[in-house]
């Protein structure tokens, strides 16, 4: 009986230690709050209509156009696009010089149908809308046309951004 009690105590102790170790790996740091021009992820709890109003104010103050990028954390090509910008600093500089970026979430959690219904149908993700600084739609871009193999084509992407940049 003593052996059984000791064994039970050892098993309980081991389980407690494992639970403590697992809990110590849980982050208690709050997640960062995304801003309108944040180049981070897609936020399903964002209000894209309110974000667009803020983006319009920024675009008018800075004399830039608005680049809405619709996608989600689930979207492989959205992450490829983010890495593409990161690996091509001149392209990123071109985007930042001429556009205010607004990422709009599209996911099972929140498809933002009410907001996106004011724009043309999206054939795939990510999708880009170019807006004038007052919010007027100028262009709807299927990003598959910018792809090449398993990434994007730098020449086509650069030409696209240059074409729609405010002069």
N, C-alpha and C. Protein backbone atom coordinates (compact mmCIF):
# COMPACT_ATOMS: atom_id res chain seq x y z
N UNK A 1 0.82 -1.19 0.00
CA UNK A 1 0.00 0.00 0.00
C UNK A 1 0.87 1.27 0.00
N UNK A 2 1.98 1.21 0.79
CA UNK A 2 2.88 2.37 0.83
C UNK A 2 3.48 2.64 -0.54
N UNK A 3 3.82 1.54 -1.25
CA UNK A 3 4.38 1.70 -2.60
C UNK A 3 3.37 2.37 -3.53
N UNK A 4 2.15 1.98 -3.44
CA UNK A 4 1.09 2.54 -4.27
C UNK A 4 0.88 4.02 -3.95
N UNK A 5 0.93 4.37 -2.67
CA UNK A 5 0.78 5.77 -2.25
C UNK A 5 1.95 6.60 -2.76
N UNK A 6 3.17 6.05 -2.66
CA UNK A 6 4.35 6.77 -3.16
C UNK A 6 4.28 6.94 -4.67
N UNK A 7 3.88 5.90 -5.35
CA UNK A 7 3.75 5.97 -6.80
C UNK A 7 2.72 7.02 -7.20
N UNK A 8 1.61 7.04 -6.50
CA UNK A 8 0.57 8.04 -6.77
C UNK A 8 1.10 9.45 -6.53
N UNK A 9 1.86 9.64 -5.45
CA UNK A 9 2.43 10.94 -5.12
C UNK A 9 3.43 11.38 -6.19
N UNK A 10 4.24 10.45 -6.69
CA UNK A 10 5.23 10.76 -7.73
C UNK A 10 4.52 11.15 -9.03
N UNK A 11 3.47 10.41 -9.37
CA UNK A 11 2.71 10.71 -10.60
C UNK A 11 2.07 12.09 -10.49
N UNK A 12 1.48 12.41 -9.32
CA UNK A 12 0.86 13.72 -9.11
C UNK A 12 1.90 14.83 -9.19
N UNK A 13 3.06 14.61 -8.60
CA UNK A 13 4.12 15.60 -8.63
C UNK A 13 4.60 15.83 -10.07
N UNK A 14 4.77 14.76 -10.82
CA UNK A 14 5.21 14.87 -12.21
C UNK A 14 4.17 15.62 -13.04
N UNK A 15 2.90 15.31 -12.84
CA UNK A 15 1.84 16.00 -13.57
C UNK A 15 1.82 17.48 -13.23
N UNK A 16 2.02 17.80 -11.96
CA UNK A 16 2.05 19.21 -11.53
C UNK A 16 3.21 19.95 -12.17
N UNK A 17 4.38 19.30 -12.21
CA UNK A 17 5.55 19.93 -12.82
C UNK A 17 5.34 20.16 -14.31
N UNK A 18 4.73 19.20 -14.99
CA UNK A 18 4.44 19.35 -16.42
C UNK A 18 3.45 20.49 -16.65
N UNK A 19 2.44 20.58 -15.82
CA UNK A 19 1.45 21.66 -15.95
C UNK A 19 2.10 23.01 -15.72
N UNK A 20 2.96 23.13 -14.74
CA UNK A 20 3.66 24.39 -14.48
C UNK A 20 4.56 24.77 -15.64
N UNK A 21 5.24 23.79 -16.20
CA UNK A 21 6.11 24.06 -17.34
C UNK A 21 5.30 24.55 -18.53
N UNK A 22 4.15 23.94 -18.77
CA UNK A 22 3.29 24.36 -19.88
C UNK A 22 2.77 25.77 -19.65
N UNK A 23 2.36 26.08 -18.46
CA UNK A 23 1.84 27.41 -18.15
C UNK A 23 2.91 28.48 -18.27
N UNK A 24 4.14 28.13 -17.96
CA UNK A 24 5.21 29.13 -18.04
C UNK A 24 5.49 29.55 -19.48
N UNK A 25 5.06 28.75 -20.44
CA UNK A 25 5.27 29.07 -21.85
C UNK A 25 4.15 29.94 -22.41
N UNK A 26 3.06 30.12 -21.69
CA UNK A 26 1.95 30.94 -22.15
C UNK A 26 2.32 32.41 -21.94
N UNK A 27 2.22 33.17 -22.98
CA UNK A 27 2.58 34.59 -22.90
C UNK A 27 1.48 35.38 -22.20
N UNK A 28 1.88 36.21 -21.29
CA UNK A 28 0.94 37.10 -20.62
C UNK A 28 1.04 38.50 -21.17
N UNK A 29 1.89 38.69 -22.17
CA UNK A 29 2.03 39.99 -22.81
C UNK A 29 0.85 40.21 -23.74
N UNK A 30 0.16 41.35 -23.64
CA UNK A 30 -0.96 41.58 -24.52
C UNK A 30 -0.51 41.70 -25.97
N UNK A 31 -1.39 41.26 -26.87
CA UNK A 31 -1.08 41.34 -28.29
C UNK A 31 -1.02 42.80 -28.70
N UNK A 32 -0.13 43.14 -29.64
CA UNK A 32 -0.05 44.52 -30.08
C UNK A 32 -1.33 44.94 -30.80
N UNK A 33 -1.70 46.18 -30.65
CA UNK A 33 -2.88 46.71 -31.32
C UNK A 33 -2.45 47.18 -32.70
N UNK A 34 -3.16 46.73 -33.72
CA UNK A 34 -2.81 47.11 -35.09
C UNK A 34 -3.31 48.52 -35.37
N UNK A 35 -2.52 49.27 -36.11
CA UNK A 35 -2.94 50.59 -36.53
C UNK A 35 -3.37 50.51 -37.98
N UNK A 36 -4.00 51.56 -38.45
CA UNK A 36 -4.52 51.56 -39.81
C UNK A 36 -3.42 51.30 -40.83
N UNK A 37 -2.30 51.98 -40.69
CA UNK A 37 -1.23 51.84 -41.67
C UNK A 37 -0.25 50.73 -41.29
N UNK A 38 -0.65 49.88 -40.38
CA UNK A 38 0.21 48.80 -39.93
C UNK A 38 0.43 47.81 -41.06
N UNK A 39 1.66 47.40 -41.26
CA UNK A 39 1.97 46.42 -42.29
C UNK A 39 1.98 45.01 -41.70
N UNK A 40 1.47 44.89 -40.49
CA UNK A 40 1.40 43.59 -39.83
C UNK A 40 0.27 42.75 -40.38
N UNK A 41 -0.32 41.95 -39.51
CA UNK A 41 -1.33 41.00 -39.93
C UNK A 41 -2.70 41.61 -40.14
N UNK A 42 -3.62 40.72 -40.43
CA UNK A 42 -5.01 41.07 -40.66
C UNK A 42 -5.76 40.91 -39.35
N UNK A 43 -6.54 41.90 -38.97
CA UNK A 43 -7.24 41.89 -37.70
C UNK A 43 -8.73 41.67 -37.91
N UNK A 44 -9.26 40.48 -37.57
CA UNK A 44 -10.68 40.22 -37.79
C UNK A 44 -11.60 41.08 -36.94
N UNK A 45 -11.09 41.69 -35.88
CA UNK A 45 -11.94 42.53 -35.03
C UNK A 45 -11.89 44.00 -35.43
N UNK A 46 -11.11 44.35 -36.44
CA UNK A 46 -11.05 45.74 -36.90
C UNK A 46 -12.36 46.13 -37.58
N UNK A 47 -12.64 47.41 -37.57
CA UNK A 47 -13.78 47.99 -38.27
C UNK A 47 -13.23 48.66 -39.52
N UNK A 48 -13.31 48.00 -40.67
CA UNK A 48 -12.66 48.56 -41.86
C UNK A 48 -13.27 49.89 -42.31
N UNK A 49 -14.55 50.12 -42.05
CA UNK A 49 -15.15 51.40 -42.43
C UNK A 49 -14.51 52.54 -41.63
N UNK A 50 -14.37 52.35 -40.33
CA UNK A 50 -13.72 53.36 -39.49
C UNK A 50 -12.24 53.49 -39.85
N UNK A 51 -11.59 52.36 -40.10
CA UNK A 51 -10.18 52.38 -40.50
C UNK A 51 -9.99 53.14 -41.81
N UNK A 52 -10.94 52.95 -42.75
CA UNK A 52 -10.84 53.65 -44.03
C UNK A 52 -10.97 55.16 -43.83
N UNK A 53 -11.87 55.59 -42.95
CA UNK A 53 -12.02 57.03 -42.70
C UNK A 53 -10.71 57.62 -42.16
N UNK A 54 -10.07 56.90 -41.26
CA UNK A 54 -8.78 57.36 -40.72
C UNK A 54 -7.72 57.35 -41.83
N UNK A 55 -7.75 56.33 -42.67
CA UNK A 55 -6.79 56.21 -43.77
C UNK A 55 -6.98 57.34 -44.77
N UNK A 56 -8.23 57.70 -45.04
CA UNK A 56 -8.52 58.82 -45.95
C UNK A 56 -7.91 60.11 -45.41
N UNK A 57 -8.08 60.36 -44.11
CA UNK A 57 -7.49 61.56 -43.52
C UNK A 57 -5.97 61.56 -43.68
N UNK A 58 -5.36 60.41 -43.41
CA UNK A 58 -3.90 60.31 -43.55
C UNK A 58 -3.47 60.53 -44.99
N UNK A 59 -4.18 59.90 -45.94
CA UNK A 59 -3.83 60.01 -47.36
C UNK A 59 -3.95 61.45 -47.85
N UNK A 60 -4.99 62.15 -47.39
CA UNK A 60 -5.15 63.54 -47.80
C UNK A 60 -4.07 64.42 -47.19
N UNK A 61 -3.72 64.17 -45.95
CA UNK A 61 -2.66 64.96 -45.30
C UNK A 61 -1.31 64.74 -45.97
N UNK A 62 -1.06 63.50 -46.41
CA UNK A 62 0.24 63.16 -46.99
C UNK A 62 0.25 63.17 -48.51
N UNK A 63 -0.90 63.52 -49.13
CA UNK A 63 -1.04 63.56 -50.58
C UNK A 63 -0.66 62.23 -51.23
N UNK A 64 -1.26 61.17 -50.69
CA UNK A 64 -1.00 59.82 -51.19
C UNK A 64 -2.32 59.15 -51.56
N UNK A 65 -2.21 58.07 -52.29
CA UNK A 65 -3.36 57.21 -52.57
C UNK A 65 -3.45 56.13 -51.50
N UNK A 66 -4.54 55.38 -51.55
CA UNK A 66 -4.79 54.33 -50.57
C UNK A 66 -4.68 52.98 -51.26
N UNK A 67 -3.94 52.09 -50.66
CA UNK A 67 -3.83 50.72 -51.15
C UNK A 67 -4.50 49.81 -50.12
N UNK A 68 -5.67 49.28 -50.47
CA UNK A 68 -6.35 48.33 -49.60
C UNK A 68 -5.92 46.93 -50.02
N UNK A 69 -5.40 46.20 -49.07
CA UNK A 69 -4.99 44.82 -49.31
C UNK A 69 -5.93 43.92 -48.53
N UNK A 70 -6.74 43.14 -49.24
CA UNK A 70 -7.72 42.26 -48.61
C UNK A 70 -7.15 40.85 -48.55
N UNK A 71 -7.19 40.26 -47.37
CA UNK A 71 -6.67 38.90 -47.19
C UNK A 71 -6.90 38.44 -45.77
N UNK A 72 -6.09 37.51 -45.33
CA UNK A 72 -6.24 37.00 -43.97
C UNK A 72 -4.99 36.24 -43.55
N UNK A 73 -4.95 35.96 -42.27
CA UNK A 73 -3.82 35.21 -41.72
C UNK A 73 -3.74 33.80 -42.32
N UNK A 74 -4.85 33.28 -42.79
CA UNK A 74 -4.92 31.95 -43.38
C UNK A 74 -4.32 31.93 -44.80
N UNK A 75 -4.14 33.11 -45.40
CA UNK A 75 -3.79 33.26 -46.82
C UNK A 75 -2.29 33.16 -47.05
N UNK A 76 -1.86 32.08 -47.66
CA UNK A 76 -0.43 31.86 -47.92
C UNK A 76 0.13 32.97 -48.80
N UNK A 77 -0.58 33.34 -49.86
CA UNK A 77 -0.09 34.37 -50.77
C UNK A 77 -0.03 35.75 -50.11
N UNK A 78 -0.84 35.98 -49.09
CA UNK A 78 -0.75 37.24 -48.33
C UNK A 78 0.59 37.33 -47.61
N UNK A 79 1.01 36.20 -47.02
CA UNK A 79 2.30 36.17 -46.34
C UNK A 79 3.45 36.25 -47.33
N UNK A 80 3.27 35.62 -48.49
CA UNK A 80 4.30 35.71 -49.54
C UNK A 80 4.45 37.17 -49.98
N UNK A 81 3.33 37.89 -50.10
CA UNK A 81 3.40 39.30 -50.50
C UNK A 81 4.13 40.12 -49.44
N UNK A 82 3.83 39.89 -48.17
CA UNK A 82 4.53 40.62 -47.10
C UNK A 82 6.03 40.37 -47.17
N UNK A 83 6.42 39.10 -47.36
CA UNK A 83 7.85 38.78 -47.45
C UNK A 83 8.47 39.38 -48.72
N UNK A 84 7.68 39.44 -49.79
CA UNK A 84 8.16 40.02 -51.04
C UNK A 84 8.52 41.49 -50.85
N UNK A 85 7.64 42.22 -50.19
CA UNK A 85 7.96 43.62 -49.88
C UNK A 85 9.22 43.70 -49.02
N UNK A 86 9.30 42.85 -48.00
CA UNK A 86 10.45 42.87 -47.09
C UNK A 86 11.76 42.57 -47.83
N UNK A 87 11.69 41.69 -48.82
CA UNK A 87 12.92 41.31 -49.52
C UNK A 87 13.24 42.23 -50.71
N UNK A 88 12.37 43.19 -50.98
CA UNK A 88 12.60 44.16 -52.06
C UNK A 88 12.40 45.57 -51.49
N UNK A 89 13.41 46.10 -50.80
CA UNK A 89 13.28 47.39 -50.12
C UNK A 89 12.87 48.54 -51.05
N UNK A 90 13.29 48.49 -52.32
CA UNK A 90 12.90 49.56 -53.24
C UNK A 90 11.41 49.52 -53.54
N UNK A 91 10.85 48.32 -53.61
CA UNK A 91 9.41 48.18 -53.83
C UNK A 91 8.65 48.68 -52.61
N UNK A 92 9.11 48.31 -51.43
CA UNK A 92 8.49 48.76 -50.19
C UNK A 92 8.57 50.29 -50.09
N UNK A 93 9.71 50.85 -50.45
CA UNK A 93 9.90 52.29 -50.41
C UNK A 93 8.93 52.97 -51.40
N UNK A 94 8.75 52.38 -52.57
CA UNK A 94 7.81 52.91 -53.57
C UNK A 94 6.38 52.90 -53.01
N UNK A 95 6.00 51.79 -52.39
CA UNK A 95 4.65 51.71 -51.81
C UNK A 95 4.48 52.74 -50.71
N UNK A 96 5.45 52.85 -49.82
CA UNK A 96 5.34 53.77 -48.69
C UNK A 96 5.38 55.23 -49.13
N UNK A 97 6.05 55.52 -50.24
CA UNK A 97 6.15 56.89 -50.74
C UNK A 97 4.85 57.37 -51.38
N UNK A 98 4.05 56.45 -51.90
CA UNK A 98 2.88 56.85 -52.69
C UNK A 98 1.54 56.37 -52.15
N UNK A 99 1.55 55.47 -51.16
CA UNK A 99 0.30 54.88 -50.70
C UNK A 99 0.25 54.80 -49.18
N UNK A 100 -0.98 54.85 -48.66
CA UNK A 100 -1.24 54.48 -47.28
C UNK A 100 -1.85 53.09 -47.34
N UNK A 101 -1.25 52.14 -46.67
CA UNK A 101 -1.71 50.75 -46.69
C UNK A 101 -2.80 50.54 -45.65
N UNK A 102 -3.88 49.89 -46.10
CA UNK A 102 -4.94 49.46 -45.19
C UNK A 102 -5.20 47.99 -45.46
N UNK A 103 -4.93 47.15 -44.48
CA UNK A 103 -5.21 45.73 -44.61
C UNK A 103 -6.61 45.46 -44.08
N UNK A 104 -7.40 44.76 -44.88
CA UNK A 104 -8.77 44.42 -44.50
C UNK A 104 -8.86 42.90 -44.42
N UNK A 105 -9.30 42.43 -43.27
CA UNK A 105 -9.43 41.00 -43.02
C UNK A 105 -10.59 40.39 -43.81
N UNK A 106 -10.33 39.21 -44.36
CA UNK A 106 -11.38 38.38 -44.94
C UNK A 106 -11.10 36.97 -44.44
N UNK A 107 -11.99 36.46 -43.59
CA UNK A 107 -11.78 35.13 -43.03
C UNK A 107 -13.13 34.54 -42.64
N UNK A 108 -13.13 33.28 -42.21
CA UNK A 108 -14.35 32.65 -41.71
C UNK A 108 -14.85 33.39 -40.48
N UNK A 109 -13.93 33.88 -39.69
CA UNK A 109 -14.28 34.61 -38.47
C UNK A 109 -14.99 35.93 -38.78
N UNK A 110 -14.50 36.64 -39.80
CA UNK A 110 -15.08 37.92 -40.18
C UNK A 110 -14.75 38.19 -41.64
N UNK A 111 -15.74 38.08 -42.50
CA UNK A 111 -15.54 38.31 -43.92
C UNK A 111 -15.72 39.76 -44.33
N UNK A 112 -16.10 40.62 -43.39
CA UNK A 112 -16.31 42.05 -43.68
C UNK A 112 -17.14 42.27 -44.94
N UNK A 113 -18.21 41.46 -45.09
CA UNK A 113 -19.05 41.54 -46.29
C UNK A 113 -19.66 42.91 -46.50
N UNK A 114 -20.15 43.55 -45.43
CA UNK A 114 -20.79 44.86 -45.58
C UNK A 114 -19.80 45.87 -46.16
N UNK A 115 -18.59 45.89 -45.65
CA UNK A 115 -17.58 46.82 -46.15
C UNK A 115 -17.18 46.47 -47.58
N UNK A 116 -16.90 45.20 -47.85
CA UNK A 116 -16.38 44.80 -49.16
C UNK A 116 -17.46 44.85 -50.25
N UNK A 117 -18.74 44.89 -49.87
CA UNK A 117 -19.81 44.90 -50.86
C UNK A 117 -19.81 46.18 -51.71
N UNK A 118 -19.12 47.21 -51.27
CA UNK A 118 -19.05 48.46 -52.04
C UNK A 118 -18.00 48.41 -53.15
N UNK A 119 -17.26 47.31 -53.21
CA UNK A 119 -16.20 47.16 -54.19
C UNK A 119 -16.51 46.00 -55.14
N UNK A 120 -15.79 45.94 -56.28
CA UNK A 120 -16.00 44.81 -57.20
C UNK A 120 -15.72 43.46 -56.51
N UNK A 121 -16.28 42.41 -57.07
CA UNK A 121 -16.09 41.06 -56.56
C UNK A 121 -14.61 40.70 -56.57
N UNK A 122 -14.20 40.04 -55.51
CA UNK A 122 -12.80 39.64 -55.35
C UNK A 122 -12.64 38.20 -55.86
N UNK A 123 -11.81 38.00 -56.89
CA UNK A 123 -11.65 36.65 -57.44
C UNK A 123 -10.69 35.75 -56.65
N UNK A 124 -9.83 36.33 -55.84
CA UNK A 124 -8.85 35.55 -55.08
C UNK A 124 -8.11 36.44 -54.11
N UNK A 125 -7.30 35.83 -53.27
CA UNK A 125 -6.61 36.57 -52.21
C UNK A 125 -5.11 36.37 -52.28
N UNK A 126 -4.35 37.39 -51.91
CA UNK A 126 -4.80 38.71 -51.53
C UNK A 126 -5.35 39.46 -52.74
N UNK A 127 -6.10 40.50 -52.47
CA UNK A 127 -6.64 41.35 -53.52
C UNK A 127 -6.33 42.79 -53.15
N UNK A 128 -6.06 43.61 -54.16
CA UNK A 128 -5.70 45.00 -53.93
C UNK A 128 -6.73 45.92 -54.59
N UNK A 129 -7.15 46.92 -53.81
CA UNK A 129 -7.94 48.02 -54.35
C UNK A 129 -7.11 49.28 -54.20
N UNK A 130 -7.05 50.08 -55.26
CA UNK A 130 -6.38 51.37 -55.20
C UNK A 130 -7.48 52.43 -55.14
N UNK A 131 -7.38 53.30 -54.14
CA UNK A 131 -8.34 54.37 -53.95
C UNK A 131 -7.63 55.71 -54.03
N UNK A 132 -8.36 56.70 -54.54
CA UNK A 132 -7.88 58.07 -54.48
C UNK A 132 -7.86 58.49 -53.01
N UNK A 133 -7.20 59.57 -52.70
CA UNK A 133 -7.08 59.99 -51.30
C UNK A 133 -8.43 60.34 -50.67
N UNK A 134 -9.46 60.56 -51.48
CA UNK A 134 -10.80 60.83 -50.94
C UNK A 134 -11.63 59.56 -50.78
N UNK A 135 -11.05 58.41 -51.12
CA UNK A 135 -11.74 57.14 -50.97
C UNK A 135 -12.40 56.62 -52.24
N UNK A 136 -12.30 57.34 -53.33
CA UNK A 136 -12.89 56.93 -54.60
C UNK A 136 -12.08 55.76 -55.19
N UNK A 137 -12.78 54.70 -55.57
CA UNK A 137 -12.11 53.54 -56.16
C UNK A 137 -11.53 53.89 -57.52
N UNK A 138 -10.26 53.59 -57.71
CA UNK A 138 -9.58 53.80 -58.98
C UNK A 138 -9.33 52.50 -59.73
N UNK A 139 -9.00 51.44 -58.97
CA UNK A 139 -8.59 50.20 -59.63
C UNK A 139 -8.76 49.01 -58.70
N UNK A 140 -9.15 47.87 -59.28
CA UNK A 140 -9.24 46.60 -58.57
C UNK A 140 -8.22 45.66 -59.20
N UNK A 141 -7.28 45.16 -58.40
CA UNK A 141 -6.17 44.37 -58.94
C UNK A 141 -6.19 42.93 -58.46
N UNK A 142 -6.35 42.01 -59.38
CA UNK A 142 -6.20 40.59 -59.10
C UNK A 142 -4.70 40.32 -58.99
N UNK A 143 -4.23 39.98 -57.80
CA UNK A 143 -2.79 39.85 -57.59
C UNK A 143 -2.18 38.62 -58.27
N UNK A 144 -3.02 37.70 -58.73
CA UNK A 144 -2.46 36.56 -59.45
C UNK A 144 -1.76 37.01 -60.72
N UNK A 145 -2.15 38.18 -61.24
CA UNK A 145 -1.51 38.75 -62.43
C UNK A 145 -0.10 39.27 -62.11
N UNK A 146 0.21 39.42 -60.85
CA UNK A 146 1.53 39.89 -60.43
C UNK A 146 2.44 38.74 -60.01
N UNK A 147 1.89 37.53 -59.98
CA UNK A 147 2.64 36.36 -59.53
C UNK A 147 3.59 35.85 -60.61
N UNK A 148 4.61 35.14 -60.13
CA UNK A 148 5.52 34.43 -61.00
C UNK A 148 6.06 33.24 -60.22
N UNK A 149 5.70 32.04 -60.62
CA UNK A 149 6.12 30.86 -59.88
C UNK A 149 5.53 30.87 -58.48
N UNK A 150 6.39 30.77 -57.48
CA UNK A 150 5.94 30.71 -56.10
C UNK A 150 6.12 32.05 -55.38
N UNK A 151 6.24 33.13 -56.16
CA UNK A 151 6.40 34.46 -55.58
C UNK A 151 5.77 35.47 -56.53
N UNK A 152 6.15 36.71 -56.41
CA UNK A 152 5.65 37.77 -57.28
C UNK A 152 6.75 38.22 -58.23
N UNK A 153 6.35 38.81 -59.34
CA UNK A 153 7.28 39.31 -60.34
C UNK A 153 7.60 40.77 -60.00
N UNK A 154 8.86 41.06 -59.75
CA UNK A 154 9.25 42.39 -59.32
C UNK A 154 8.92 43.46 -60.37
N UNK A 155 9.17 43.18 -61.63
CA UNK A 155 8.89 44.14 -62.69
C UNK A 155 7.41 44.47 -62.80
N UNK A 156 6.58 43.44 -62.79
CA UNK A 156 5.12 43.67 -62.88
C UNK A 156 4.59 44.39 -61.66
N UNK A 157 5.10 44.01 -60.46
CA UNK A 157 4.63 44.63 -59.23
C UNK A 157 5.04 46.10 -59.19
N UNK A 158 6.28 46.38 -59.57
CA UNK A 158 6.77 47.75 -59.59
C UNK A 158 5.97 48.59 -60.59
N UNK A 159 5.74 48.05 -61.78
CA UNK A 159 4.97 48.77 -62.80
C UNK A 159 3.54 49.06 -62.32
N UNK A 160 2.95 48.09 -61.63
CA UNK A 160 1.60 48.28 -61.08
C UNK A 160 1.58 49.44 -60.09
N UNK A 161 2.51 49.44 -59.12
CA UNK A 161 2.55 50.51 -58.12
C UNK A 161 2.86 51.87 -58.76
N UNK A 162 3.77 51.88 -59.73
CA UNK A 162 4.11 53.13 -60.41
C UNK A 162 2.92 53.67 -61.22
N UNK A 163 2.20 52.78 -61.86
CA UNK A 163 1.07 53.19 -62.70
C UNK A 163 0.01 53.92 -61.88
N UNK A 164 -0.25 53.44 -60.67
CA UNK A 164 -1.34 53.99 -59.85
C UNK A 164 -0.87 55.01 -58.82
N UNK A 165 0.43 55.30 -58.79
CA UNK A 165 0.95 56.29 -57.85
C UNK A 165 0.45 57.68 -58.23
N UNK A 166 0.20 58.49 -57.23
CA UNK A 166 -0.24 59.87 -57.44
C UNK A 166 0.93 60.66 -58.02
N UNK A 167 0.68 61.40 -59.07
CA UNK A 167 1.74 62.18 -59.72
C UNK A 167 1.86 63.55 -59.13
